[in-house]
Protein backbone atom coordinates (compact mmCIF):
# COMPACT_ATOMS: atom_id res chain seq x y z
CA MET A 1 -0.29 7.68 12.29
CA TYR A 2 -2.70 7.09 9.61
CA ARG A 3 -2.24 4.29 7.20
CA LEU A 4 -3.61 4.60 3.61
CA TYR A 5 -3.23 2.48 0.49
CA ASN A 6 -3.11 2.96 -3.19
CA LYS A 7 -4.39 -0.11 -4.99
CA TYR A 8 -3.01 1.17 -8.53
CA THR A 9 0.63 1.16 -7.04
CA GLY A 10 0.59 -1.28 -4.09
CA GLU A 11 1.97 1.57 -1.89
CA HIS A 12 1.07 1.93 1.78
CA PHE A 13 1.32 5.46 2.95
CA TYR A 14 1.58 6.85 6.59
CA THR A 15 1.09 10.17 7.89
CA ALA A 16 0.38 11.99 11.05
CA SER A 17 -1.65 14.82 9.15
CA VAL A 18 -5.38 14.55 8.99
CA LYS A 19 -5.34 17.13 6.25
CA GLU A 20 -2.99 15.03 4.21
CA ARG A 21 -5.00 11.95 4.97
CA ASP A 22 -8.41 13.36 4.00
CA THR A 23 -6.67 14.88 0.58
CA LEU A 24 -5.42 11.24 -0.37
CA ARG A 25 -8.79 9.86 0.26
CA SER A 26 -10.49 12.54 -1.63
CA VAL A 27 -8.41 11.07 -4.74
CA GLY A 28 -9.10 7.47 -4.25
CA TRP A 29 -6.58 6.23 -1.69
CA ILE A 30 -8.24 3.60 0.76
CA TYR A 31 -8.04 4.40 4.31
CA GLU A 32 -6.89 1.55 6.54
CA GLY A 33 -7.17 3.06 9.94
CA THR A 34 -4.10 3.68 12.19
CA GLY A 35 -0.66 1.99 11.45
CA TRP A 36 0.61 2.63 15.04
CA GLN A 37 0.67 5.49 17.70
CA ALA A 38 3.76 7.63 17.65
CA PRO A 39 5.13 10.15 20.20
CA VAL A 40 4.44 13.83 19.46
CA SER A 41 7.94 15.25 19.60
CA THR A 42 10.50 12.97 21.48
CA GLY A 43 12.46 9.97 20.67
CA ALA A 44 14.65 9.51 17.27
CA PRO A 45 13.29 11.07 14.09
CA VAL A 46 12.02 8.80 11.39
CA TYR A 47 12.96 10.45 7.97
CA ARG A 48 10.64 10.39 5.16
CA LEU A 49 11.92 10.39 1.42
CA TYR A 50 10.07 10.23 -1.95
CA ASN A 51 11.05 8.55 -5.18
CA LYS A 52 9.47 10.44 -8.26
CA TYR A 53 11.26 8.18 -10.80
CA VAL A 54 9.06 5.18 -10.39
CA ALA A 55 5.32 5.40 -12.10
CA GLY A 56 2.92 6.50 -9.42
CA GLY A 57 5.80 7.73 -6.83
CA ASP A 58 7.14 5.59 -3.84
CA HIS A 59 7.74 6.75 -0.28
CA HIS A 60 10.48 5.22 2.14
CA TYR A 61 10.72 5.83 5.96
CA THR A 62 13.85 5.10 7.90
CA THR A 63 15.78 6.02 11.20
CA ASN A 64 18.98 5.50 9.64
CA ILE A 65 20.83 8.62 8.59
CA SER A 66 23.26 6.93 6.26
CA GLU A 67 20.07 4.93 4.52
CA ARG A 68 18.67 8.53 4.19
CA ASP A 69 21.65 10.09 2.74
CA ASP A 70 22.30 7.26 0.41
CA LEU A 71 18.82 7.47 -0.91
CA VAL A 72 19.07 11.19 -1.38
CA GLU A 73 22.50 10.53 -3.38
CA LEU A 74 20.49 8.17 -5.68
CA GLY A 75 17.78 10.90 -6.18
CA TRP A 76 15.16 10.59 -3.55
CA ILE A 77 13.78 13.54 -2.28
CA TYR A 78 13.90 14.30 1.43
CA GLU A 79 10.76 15.33 2.90
CA GLY A 80 11.78 15.85 6.39
CA VAL A 81 10.89 14.03 9.55
CA GLY A 82 7.76 12.31 9.51
CA TRP A 83 7.27 11.32 13.16
CA TYR A 84 9.44 9.98 15.79
CA SER A 85 10.45 6.58 17.31
CA ALA A 86 10.04 5.97 21.04
CA GLY A 87 8.16 3.50 23.34
CA SER A 88 8.09 -0.39 23.60
CA VAL A 89 5.91 -1.42 20.59
CA PRO A 90 8.11 -2.57 17.66
CA VAL A 91 7.01 -1.57 14.18
CA TYR A 92 7.92 -4.47 11.94
CA ARG A 93 9.51 -3.67 8.40
CA GLN A 94 9.10 -5.86 5.37
CA TYR A 95 10.51 -5.68 1.81
CA ASN A 96 8.92 -7.09 -1.47
CA PRO A 97 11.90 -7.66 -3.94
CA TYR A 98 9.46 -8.11 -6.78
CA ALA A 99 7.89 -4.75 -6.60
CA ARG A 100 8.80 -1.43 -8.10
CA THR A 101 6.43 0.67 -5.89
CA GLY A 102 5.17 -0.13 -2.50
CA THR A 103 8.33 -2.07 -1.87
CA HIS A 104 8.24 -1.73 2.03
CA ASN A 105 5.25 -2.42 4.59
CA TYR A 106 5.35 -1.32 8.16
CA THR A 107 3.26 -2.79 10.90
CA THR A 108 2.86 -3.43 14.54
CA SER A 109 1.12 -6.56 13.94
CA LYS A 110 3.25 -9.67 14.23
CA THR A 111 0.49 -11.60 12.28
CA GLU A 112 0.75 -9.29 9.20
CA ASN A 113 4.66 -9.54 9.26
CA ASP A 114 4.64 -13.25 9.39
CA ALA A 115 1.92 -13.56 6.74
CA LEU A 116 3.86 -11.31 4.28
CA VAL A 117 7.09 -13.30 5.13
CA GLY A 118 5.30 -16.45 4.30
CA GLN A 119 4.32 -14.98 1.01
CA GLY A 120 7.90 -14.00 0.07
CA TRP A 121 8.48 -10.85 1.43
CA HIS A 122 11.81 -10.35 3.36
CA ALA A 123 11.71 -9.74 7.20
CA GLU A 124 13.91 -6.59 7.82
CA GLY A 125 13.40 -6.48 11.63
CA ILE A 126 12.05 -3.68 13.47
CA GLY A 127 11.96 -0.32 11.67
CA TRP A 128 11.15 1.84 14.75
CA GLN A 129 9.39 1.89 17.97
CA ALA A 130 5.94 3.02 18.63
CA VAL A 131 3.95 3.94 22.00
CA GLY A 132 0.84 2.16 20.85
CA ALA A 133 -0.11 -0.48 18.42
CA GLY A 134 -2.12 -0.02 15.19
CA HIS A 135 -5.66 -0.39 14.47
CA THR A 136 -6.94 -1.16 11.10
CA VAL A 137 -10.38 -0.78 9.82
CA ALA A 138 -12.49 -2.07 6.87
CA PRO A 139 -11.66 -0.35 3.45
CA GLN A 140 -13.28 3.06 3.38
CA PRO A 141 -12.56 4.64 0.13
CA SER A 142 -14.35 8.03 -0.86
CA LYS A 143 -15.64 8.38 -4.22
CA PRO A 144 -13.08 10.48 -6.07
CA ALA A 145 -13.87 12.65 -9.19
CA ASN A 146 -10.82 10.48 -10.83
CA PRO A 147 -10.60 6.93 -9.78
CA LYS A 148 -6.96 6.57 -10.41
CA PRO A 149 -5.52 8.15 -7.04
CA SER A 150 -2.37 10.08 -7.03
CA GLN A 151 0.74 10.10 -5.05
CA PRO A 152 0.82 11.94 -1.79
CA SER A 153 3.49 14.48 -2.81
CA GLN A 154 2.16 15.27 -6.22
CA PRO A 155 -1.82 14.98 -5.99
CA SER A 156 -2.20 14.42 -9.89
CA THR A 157 -3.47 11.24 -11.67
CA PRO A 158 -0.17 8.91 -12.23
CA ALA A 159 0.05 6.09 -14.47
CA GLN A 160 -1.46 2.94 -13.64
CA PRO A 161 1.26 0.37 -13.15
CA ALA A 162 0.61 -3.45 -12.48
CA GLN A 163 -0.14 -4.60 -9.06
CA PRO A 164 2.86 -5.85 -7.33
CA SER A 165 2.85 -9.38 -6.73
CA ARG A 166 3.39 -11.21 -3.33
CA PRO A 167 5.42 -14.14 -4.24
CA SER A 168 5.98 -17.45 -2.77
CA ALA A 169 9.00 -17.79 -0.67
CA PRO A 170 12.25 -17.16 -2.94
CA SER A 171 15.44 -19.07 -2.36
CA ALA A 172 18.53 -17.45 -0.74
CA PRO A 173 17.60 -13.74 -1.51
CA VAL A 174 20.47 -11.29 -1.69
CA HIS A 175 19.73 -7.78 -0.11
CA TYR A 176 21.80 -4.52 0.17
CA LYS A 177 20.93 -1.89 2.47
CA ASN A 178 22.44 0.76 0.23
CA CYS A 179 24.91 1.28 -2.82
CA THR A 180 27.74 1.47 -0.32
CA GLU A 181 27.26 -2.20 0.63
CA VAL A 182 27.03 -2.84 -3.25
CA ARG A 183 30.38 -1.31 -3.81
CA LYS A 184 32.01 -2.94 -1.17
CA ALA A 185 30.82 -6.35 -2.26
CA GLY A 186 32.33 -5.61 -5.71
CA LYS A 187 29.01 -6.02 -7.53
CA ALA A 188 28.39 -2.65 -8.75
CA PRO A 189 26.64 -1.82 -11.16
CA LEU A 190 23.64 -4.10 -10.48
CA HIS A 191 21.46 -4.75 -13.41
CA ARG A 192 17.77 -5.50 -13.47
CA GLY A 193 17.58 -9.48 -12.54
CA ASP A 194 20.85 -9.54 -10.66
CA PRO A 195 20.62 -10.86 -7.26
CA GLY A 196 20.43 -7.81 -4.96
CA TYR A 197 19.17 -5.53 -7.61
CA GLU A 198 16.26 -3.24 -6.03
CA PRO A 199 14.25 -0.43 -7.73
CA ARG A 200 15.05 1.75 -4.58
CA LEU A 201 18.57 1.71 -5.49
CA ASP A 202 17.93 2.50 -9.27
CA ARG A 203 17.24 6.13 -9.44
CA ASP A 204 16.01 6.64 -12.82
CA ASN A 205 14.62 3.27 -13.14
CA ASP A 206 16.66 2.31 -16.20
CA GLY A 207 17.61 -1.09 -15.15
CA VAL A 208 21.19 -0.18 -13.74
CA ALA A 209 21.37 0.32 -9.99
CA CYS A 210 24.48 1.87 -8.14
CA GLU A 211 26.31 2.84 -11.37
CA THR A 212 30.32 3.17 -10.49
CA LYS A 213 31.36 6.92 -10.56
């Protein structure tokens, strides 16, 4: 699984496609090597989703069908199965509650996981399993015609948002997996700044997440 980084949005992107990898490099994404080795066609599917409502776009990956369906209900675009989960190597999932794009990171490196958690990211456990660990390389960006890279699903020039911060450890964070959990907790709707508010729950990025129907 190839790993690329968009320095303008803070998003890490993962793909098994050589063509997609090379297209993104040609528009300025930084190639960081392999994130992990995934099984070819066996194991649990890992679903890929895309949020077009945030500046620059954002992707999310999950093996959880409920999480996939909740995000689709919120307006995320389902892009199919990105790869499969199987093997003995854990892929750790981290979440940055202060970012609007690039909110999640996935890595087989426990060192990287722990470093991000030490900077304020939330450890969300194991996202899925891999058959082999990743191998990062020194940044190797190509020289694009336009230095502002585009998002994978729409290779055109996006707005240039601020780099998401990696804050020092927050206190007593509140985190909901989806809007169903928010509603069960009696906290809907969530407004930007409220405990538990996350951009991924705010479909139109208007500052109000999980609006009641």
